[in-house]
Amino acid sequence: MPIVPEGLLGGFIADLFIDTVLDSLIWGTGALILKAFRPDRRVGYVPAVLLGLIVWLAGISALITIGYFLLV
C-alpha cells in the first residue's frame, strides 16, 4: 500500500519528484559512467540506474564518514 493514496495532490507531487530524481540524477550518472567506459555500446536503463544508485550511495556514505571523522 502506498504511503500517499493515489489521486491526492501529495501523491502526484511525490511521483513527480521520484521520477525526476530517478531519471535525471541517478540514471544520468550511471549512463555517463557507462558511456565513458563503453562509448560504442547502447546504454540500458536498468544497468544505468543500478550503477548510478551505487555511485550516489557510495558518495553519500563517504561524505557522512568524512563528516563524522571531522567532528570527532
PDB file of N, CA and C in Angstrom:
ATOM      1  N   MET A   1       0.849  -1.173   0.000  1.00  0.00           N
ATOM      2  CA  MET A   1       0.000   0.000   0.000  1.00  0.00           C
ATOM      3  C   MET A   1       0.899   1.242   0.000  1.00  0.00           C
ATOM      4  N   PRO A   2       0.641   2.150  -0.915  1.00  0.00           N
ATOM      5  CA  PRO A   2       1.483   3.350  -0.972  1.00  0.00           C
ATOM      6  C   PRO A   2       1.300   4.238   0.256  1.00  0.00           C
ATOM      7  N   ILE A   3       2.323   5.024   0.521  1.00  0.00           N
ATOM      8  CA  ILE A   3       2.273   5.921   1.669  1.00  0.00           C
ATOM      9  C   ILE A   3       1.189   6.982   1.461  1.00  0.00           C
ATOM     10  N   VAL A   4       1.127   7.548   0.267  1.00  0.00           N
ATOM     11  CA  VAL A   4       0.115   8.553  -0.057  1.00  0.00           C
ATOM     12  C   VAL A   4      -0.849   7.933  -1.055  1.00  0.00           C
ATOM     13  N   PRO A   5      -2.146   7.898  -0.735  1.00  0.00           N
ATOM     14  CA  PRO A   5      -3.109   7.299  -1.676  1.00  0.00           C
ATOM     15  C   PRO A   5      -3.104   8.025  -3.021  1.00  0.00           C
ATOM     16  N   GLU A   6      -3.397   7.268  -4.060  1.00  0.00           N
ATOM     17  CA  GLU A   6      -3.437   7.869  -5.391  1.00  0.00           C
ATOM     18  C   GLU A   6      -4.611   8.834  -5.491  1.00  0.00           C
ATOM     19  N   GLY A   7      -4.427   9.838  -6.336  1.00  0.00           N
ATOM     20  CA  GLY A   7      -5.484  10.798  -6.546  1.00  0.00           C
ATOM     21  C   GLY A   7      -5.301  12.074  -5.749  1.00  0.00           C
ATOM     22  N   LEU A   8      -4.456  12.044  -4.739  1.00  0.00           N
ATOM     23  CA  LEU A   8      -4.224  13.244  -3.955  1.00  0.00           C
ATOM     24  C   LEU A   8      -3.090  14.052  -4.560  1.00  0.00           C
ATOM     25  N   LEU A   9      -3.092  15.326  -4.282  1.00  0.00           N
ATOM     26  CA  LEU A   9      -2.053  16.212  -4.800  1.00  0.00           C
ATOM     27  C   LEU A   9      -0.683  15.818  -4.270  1.00  0.00           C
ATOM     28  N   GLY A  10      -0.619  15.409  -3.007  1.00  0.00           N
ATOM     29  CA  GLY A  10       0.654  14.990  -2.429  1.00  0.00           C
ATOM     30  C   GLY A  10       1.233  13.777  -3.142  1.00  0.00           C
ATOM     31  N   GLY A  11       0.395  12.841  -3.510  1.00  0.00           N
ATOM     32  CA  GLY A  11       0.849  11.669  -4.248  1.00  0.00           C
ATOM     33  C   GLY A  11       1.377  12.046  -5.621  1.00  0.00           C
ATOM     34  N   PHE A  12       0.696  12.995  -6.254  1.00  0.00           N
ATOM     35  CA  PHE A  12       1.139  13.465  -7.569  1.00  0.00           C
ATOM     36  C   PHE A  12       2.500  14.138  -7.465  1.00  0.00           C
ATOM     37  N   ILE A  13       2.675  14.985  -6.462  1.00  0.00           N
ATOM     38  CA  ILE A  13       3.950  15.675  -6.277  1.00  0.00           C
ATOM     39  C   ILE A  13       5.047  14.676  -5.936  1.00  0.00           C
ATOM     40  N   ALA A  14       4.747  13.698  -5.093  1.00  0.00           N
ATOM     41  CA  ALA A  14       5.737  12.679  -4.735  1.00  0.00           C
ATOM     42  C   ALA A  14       6.146  11.869  -5.965  1.00  0.00           C
ATOM     43  N   ASP A  15       5.186  11.484  -6.786  1.00  0.00           N
ATOM     44  CA  ASP A  15       5.512  10.742  -8.006  1.00  0.00           C
ATOM     45  C   ASP A  15       6.372  11.575  -8.944  1.00  0.00           C
ATOM     46  N   LEU A  16       6.051  12.842  -9.078  1.00  0.00           N
ATOM     47  CA  LEU A  16       6.853  13.724  -9.921  1.00  0.00           C
ATOM     48  C   LEU A  16       8.277  13.839  -9.407  1.00  0.00           C
ATOM     49  N   PHE A  17       8.428  13.999  -8.098  1.00  0.00           N
ATOM     50  CA  PHE A  17       9.753  14.149  -7.503  1.00  0.00           C
ATOM     51  C   PHE A  17      10.580  12.886  -7.672  1.00  0.00           C
ATOM     52  N   ILE A  18       9.981  11.734  -7.403  1.00  0.00           N
ATOM     53  CA  ILE A  18      10.698  10.463  -7.523  1.00  0.00           C
ATOM     54  C   ILE A  18      11.108  10.230  -8.975  1.00  0.00           C
ATOM     55  N   ASP A  19      10.203  10.485  -9.911  1.00  0.00           N
ATOM     56  CA  ASP A  19      10.539  10.303 -11.319  1.00  0.00           C
ATOM     57  C   ASP A  19      11.644  11.250 -11.752  1.00  0.00           C
ATOM     58  N   THR A  20      11.606  12.479 -11.284  1.00  0.00           N
ATOM     59  CA  THR A  20      12.630  13.452 -11.654  1.00  0.00           C
ATOM     60  C   THR A  20      13.981  13.047 -11.096  1.00  0.00           C
ATOM     61  N   VAL A  21      14.025  12.659  -9.836  1.00  0.00           N
ATOM     62  CA  VAL A  21      15.297  12.266  -9.219  1.00  0.00           C
ATOM     63  C   VAL A  21      15.841  11.017  -9.894  1.00  0.00           C
ATOM     64  N   LEU A  22      14.977  10.026 -10.099  1.00  0.00           N
ATOM     65  CA  LEU A  22      15.432   8.771 -10.689  1.00  0.00           C
ATOM     66  C   LEU A  22      15.923   8.977 -12.110  1.00  0.00           C
ATOM     67  N   ASP A  23      15.184   9.740 -12.897  1.00  0.00           N
ATOM     68  CA  ASP A  23      15.542   9.898 -14.297  1.00  0.00           C
ATOM     69  C   ASP A  23      16.719  10.837 -14.510  1.00  0.00           C
ATOM     70  N   SER A  24      16.770  11.927 -13.788  1.00  0.00           N
ATOM     71  CA  SER A  24      17.817  12.898 -14.079  1.00  0.00           C
ATOM     72  C   SER A  24      19.108  12.617 -13.348  1.00  0.00           C
ATOM     73  N   LEU A  25      19.068  12.444 -12.061  1.00  0.00           N
ATOM     74  CA  LEU A  25      20.306  12.295 -11.300  1.00  0.00           C
ATOM     75  C   LEU A  25      20.880  10.882 -11.357  1.00  0.00           C
ATOM     76  N   ILE A  26      20.086   9.914 -10.973  1.00  0.00           N
ATOM     77  CA  ILE A  26      20.611   8.557 -10.838  1.00  0.00           C
ATOM     78  C   ILE A  26      20.884   7.948 -12.212  1.00  0.00           C
ATOM     79  N   TRP A  27      19.907   8.009 -13.124  1.00  0.00           N
ATOM     80  CA  TRP A  27      20.125   7.436 -14.451  1.00  0.00           C
ATOM     81  C   TRP A  27      21.211   8.196 -15.200  1.00  0.00           C
ATOM     82  N   GLY A  28      21.217   9.513 -15.080  1.00  0.00           N
ATOM     83  CA  GLY A  28      22.228  10.307 -15.776  1.00  0.00           C
ATOM     84  C   GLY A  28      23.635   9.991 -15.328  1.00  0.00           C
ATOM     85  N   THR A  29      23.823   9.805 -14.036  1.00  0.00           N
ATOM     86  CA  THR A  29      25.147   9.456 -13.520  1.00  0.00           C
ATOM     87  C   THR A  29      25.585   8.090 -14.038  1.00  0.00           C
ATOM     88  N   GLY A  30      24.699   7.121 -13.948  1.00  0.00           N
ATOM     89  CA  GLY A  30      25.039   5.780 -14.423  1.00  0.00           C
ATOM     90  C   GLY A  30      25.293   5.743 -15.922  1.00  0.00           C
ATOM     91  N   ALA A  31      24.482   6.464 -16.678  1.00  0.00           N
ATOM     92  CA  ALA A  31      24.652   6.491 -18.132  1.00  0.00           C
ATOM     93  C   ALA A  31      25.966   7.159 -18.518  1.00  0.00           C
ATOM     94  N   LEU A  32      26.327   8.217 -17.808  1.00  0.00           N
ATOM     95  CA  LEU A  32      27.584   8.904 -18.088  1.00  0.00           C
ATOM     96  C   LEU A  32      28.780   7.994 -17.830  1.00  0.00           C
ATOM     97  N   ILE A  33      28.748   7.255 -16.742  1.00  0.00           N
ATOM     98  CA  ILE A  33      29.853   6.347 -16.426  1.00  0.00           C
ATOM     99  C   ILE A  33      29.905   5.200 -17.432  1.00  0.00           C
ATOM    100  N   LEU A  34      28.759   4.628 -17.760  1.00  0.00           N
ATOM    101  CA  LEU A  34      28.751   3.533 -18.731  1.00  0.00           C
ATOM    102  C   LEU A  34      29.231   3.996 -20.102  1.00  0.00           C
ATOM    103  N   LYS A  35      28.826   5.185 -20.514  1.00  0.00           N
ATOM    104  CA  LYS A  35      29.272   5.716 -21.811  1.00  0.00           C
ATOM    105  C   LYS A  35      30.766   6.017 -21.810  1.00  0.00           C
ATOM    106  N   ALA A  36      31.305   6.391 -20.658  1.00  0.00           N
ATOM    107  CA  ALA A  36      32.737   6.670 -20.578  1.00  0.00           C
ATOM    108  C   ALA A  36      33.552   5.394 -20.761  1.00  0.00           C
ATOM    109  N   PHE A  37      33.045   4.280 -20.245  1.00  0.00           N
ATOM    110  CA  PHE A  37      33.772   3.019 -20.367  1.00  0.00           C
ATOM    111  C   PHE A  37      33.474   2.286 -21.670  1.00  0.00           C
ATOM    112  N   ARG A  38      32.254   2.421 -22.181  1.00  0.00           N
ATOM    113  CA  ARG A  38      31.854   1.734 -23.414  1.00  0.00           C
ATOM    114  C   ARG A  38      31.150   2.712 -24.349  1.00  0.00           C
ATOM    115  N   PRO A  39      31.892   3.598 -25.015  1.00  0.00           N
ATOM    116  CA  PRO A  39      31.242   4.633 -25.837  1.00  0.00           C
ATOM    117  C   PRO A  39      30.521   4.096 -27.065  1.00  0.00           C
ATOM    118  N   ASP A  40      30.878   2.926 -27.538  1.00  0.00           N
ATOM    119  CA  ASP A  40      30.264   2.398 -28.762  1.00  0.00           C
ATOM    120  C   ASP A  40      28.997   1.584 -28.500  1.00  0.00           C
ATOM    121  N   ARG A  41      28.724   1.265 -27.254  1.00  0.00           N
ATOM    122  CA  ARG A  41      27.554   0.436 -26.946  1.00  0.00           C
ATOM    123  C   ARG A  41      26.389   1.278 -26.446  1.00  0.00           C
ATOM    124  N   ARG A  42      25.196   0.720 -26.595  1.00  0.00           N
ATOM    125  CA  ARG A  42      23.971   1.375 -26.137  1.00  0.00           C
ATOM    126  C   ARG A  42      23.867   1.258 -24.620  1.00  0.00           C
ATOM    127  N   VAL A  43      23.359   2.298 -23.974  1.00  0.00           N
ATOM    128  CA  VAL A  43      23.211   2.292 -22.516  1.00  0.00           C
ATOM    129  C   VAL A  43      21.804   1.833 -22.172  1.00  0.00           C
ATOM    130  N   GLY A  44      21.719   0.762 -21.405  1.00  0.00           N
ATOM    131  CA  GLY A  44      20.428   0.271 -20.953  1.00  0.00           C
ATOM    132  C   GLY A  44      19.943   1.037 -19.728  1.00  0.00           C
ATOM    133  N   TYR A  45      18.628   1.070 -19.547  1.00  0.00           N
ATOM    134  CA  TYR A  45      18.050   1.840 -18.438  1.00  0.00           C
ATOM    135  C   TYR A  45      18.382   1.210 -17.085  1.00  0.00           C
ATOM    136  N   VAL A  46      18.178  -0.090 -16.968  1.00  0.00           N
ATOM    137  CA  VAL A  46      18.371  -0.758 -15.675  1.00  0.00           C
ATOM    138  C   VAL A  46      19.837  -0.742 -15.233  1.00  0.00           C
ATOM    139  N   PRO A  47      20.801  -1.099 -16.090  1.00  0.00           N
ATOM    140  CA  PRO A  47      22.196  -1.015 -15.638  1.00  0.00           C
ATOM    141  C   PRO A  47      22.624   0.410 -15.272  1.00  0.00           C
ATOM    142  N   ALA A  48      22.130   1.388 -16.004  1.00  0.00           N
ATOM    143  CA  ALA A  48      22.488   2.774 -15.699  1.00  0.00           C
ATOM    144  C   ALA A  48      21.912   3.201 -14.354  1.00  0.00           C
ATOM    145  N   VAL A  49      20.683   2.804 -14.055  1.00  0.00           N
ATOM    146  CA  VAL A  49      20.072   3.157 -12.774  1.00  0.00           C
ATOM    147  C   VAL A  49      20.784   2.445 -11.625  1.00  0.00           C
ATOM    148  N   LEU A  50      21.106   1.174 -11.804  1.00  0.00           N
ATOM    149  CA  LEU A  50      21.809   0.442 -10.748  1.00  0.00           C
ATOM    150  C   LEU A  50      23.184   1.037 -10.476  1.00  0.00           C
ATOM    151  N   LEU A  51      23.927   1.332 -11.530  1.00  0.00           N
ATOM    152  CA  LEU A  51      25.243   1.922 -11.357  1.00  0.00           C
ATOM    153  C   LEU A  51      25.143   3.314 -10.742  1.00  0.00           C
ATOM    154  N   GLY A  52      24.201   4.109 -11.186  1.00  0.00           N
ATOM    155  CA  GLY A  52      24.006   5.433 -10.616  1.00  0.00           C
ATOM    156  C   GLY A  52      23.635   5.376  -9.145  1.00  0.00           C
ATOM    157  N   LEU A  53      22.789   4.408  -8.772  1.00  0.00           N
ATOM    158  CA  LEU A  53      22.419   4.246  -7.375  1.00  0.00           C
ATOM    159  C   LEU A  53      23.618   3.877  -6.526  1.00  0.00           C
ATOM    160  N   ILE A  54      24.438   2.965  -7.023  1.00  0.00           N
ATOM    161  CA  ILE A  54      25.639   2.561  -6.282  1.00  0.00           C
ATOM    162  C   ILE A  54      26.580   3.748  -6.106  1.00  0.00           C
ATOM    163  N   VAL A  55      26.782   4.519  -7.165  1.00  0.00           N
ATOM    164  CA  VAL A  55      27.685   5.670  -7.093  1.00  0.00           C
ATOM    165  C   VAL A  55      27.163   6.716  -6.117  1.00  0.00           C
ATOM    166  N   TRP A  56      25.875   7.028  -6.190  1.00  0.00           N
ATOM    167  CA  TRP A  56      25.316   8.040  -5.291  1.00  0.00           C
ATOM    168  C   TRP A  56      25.336   7.574  -3.841  1.00  0.00           C
ATOM    169  N   LEU A  57      25.010   6.306  -3.584  1.00  0.00           N
ATOM    170  CA  LEU A  57      25.041   5.798  -2.214  1.00  0.00           C
ATOM    171  C   LEU A  57      26.463   5.774  -1.664  1.00  0.00           C
ATOM    172  N   ALA A  58      27.431   5.391  -2.499  1.00  0.00           N
ATOM    173  CA  ALA A  58      28.829   5.401  -2.056  1.00  0.00           C
ATOM    174  C   ALA A  58      29.298   6.822  -1.779  1.00  0.00           C
ATOM    175  N   GLY A  59      28.903   7.762  -2.606  1.00  0.00           N
ATOM    176  CA  GLY A  59      29.286   9.156  -2.391  1.00  0.00           C
ATOM    177  C   GLY A  59      28.693   9.732  -1.124  1.00  0.00           C
ATOM    178  N   ILE A  60      27.422   9.453  -0.889  1.00  0.00           N
ATOM    179  CA  ILE A  60      26.764   9.962   0.319  1.00  0.00           C
ATOM    180  C   ILE A  60      27.385   9.334   1.566  1.00  0.00           C
ATOM    181  N   SER A  61      27.651   8.027   1.511  1.00  0.00           N
ATOM    182  CA  SER A  61      28.254   7.387   2.684  1.00  0.00           C
ATOM    183  C   SER A  61      29.668   7.904   2.916  1.00  0.00           C
ATOM    184  N   ALA A  62      30.407   8.212   1.859  1.00  0.00           N
ATOM    185  CA  ALA A  62      31.743   8.781   2.024  1.00  0.00           C
ATOM    186  C   ALA A  62      31.671  10.161   2.667  1.00  0.00           C
ATOM    187  N   LEU A  63      30.707  10.974   2.251  1.00  0.00           N
ATOM    188  CA  LEU A  63      30.550  12.293   2.861  1.00  0.00           C
ATOM    189  C   LEU A  63      30.172  12.201   4.336  1.00  0.00           C
ATOM    190  N   ILE A  64      29.303  11.270   4.658  1.00  0.00           N
ATOM    191  CA  ILE A  64      28.914  11.082   6.059  1.00  0.00           C
ATOM    192  C   ILE A  64      30.110  10.617   6.884  1.00  0.00           C
ATOM    193  N   THR A  65      30.895   9.698   6.341  1.00  0.00           N
ATOM    194  CA  THR A  65      32.077   9.194   7.050  1.00  0.00           C
ATOM    195  C   THR A  65      33.100  10.300   7.265  1.00  0.00           C
ATOM    196  N   ILE A  66      33.359  11.074   6.238  1.00  0.00           N
ATOM    197  CA  ILE A  66      34.320  12.183   6.357  1.00  0.00           C
ATOM    198  C   ILE A  66      33.817  13.197   7.368  1.00  0.00           C
ATOM    199  N   GLY A  67      32.549  13.533   7.328  1.00  0.00           N
ATOM    200  CA  GLY A  67      31.981  14.478   8.277  1.00  0.00           C
ATOM    201  C   GLY A  67      32.052  13.962   9.703  1.00  0.00           C
ATOM    202  N   TYR A  68      31.829  12.678   9.881  1.00  0.00           N
ATOM    203  CA  TYR A  68      31.906  12.090  11.213  1.00  0.00           C
ATOM    204  C   TYR A  68      33.316  12.205  11.773  1.00  0.00           C
ATOM    205  N   PHE A  69      34.318  11.872  10.981  1.00  0.00           N
ATOM    206  CA  PHE A  69      35.689  11.923  11.480  1.00  0.00           C
ATOM    207  C   PHE A  69      36.188  13.353  11.646  1.00  0.00           C
ATOM    208  N   LEU A  70      35.616  14.295  10.949  1.00  0.00           N
ATOM    209  CA  LEU A  70      35.981  15.691  11.168  1.00  0.00           C
ATOM    210  C   LEU A  70      35.376  16.228  12.476  1.00  0.00           C
ATOM    211  N   LEU A  71      34.218  15.694  12.857  1.00  0.00           N
ATOM    212  CA  LEU A  71      33.571  16.154  14.088  1.00  0.00           C
ATOM    213  C   LEU A  71      34.117  15.481  15.335  1.00  0.00           C
ATOM    214  N   VAL A  72      34.663  14.290  15.196  1.00  0.00           N
ATOM    215  CA  VAL A  72      35.134  13.518  16.374  1.00  0.00           C
ATOM    216  C   VAL A  72      36.562  13.841  16.707  1.00  0.00           C
TER     217      VAL A  72
END
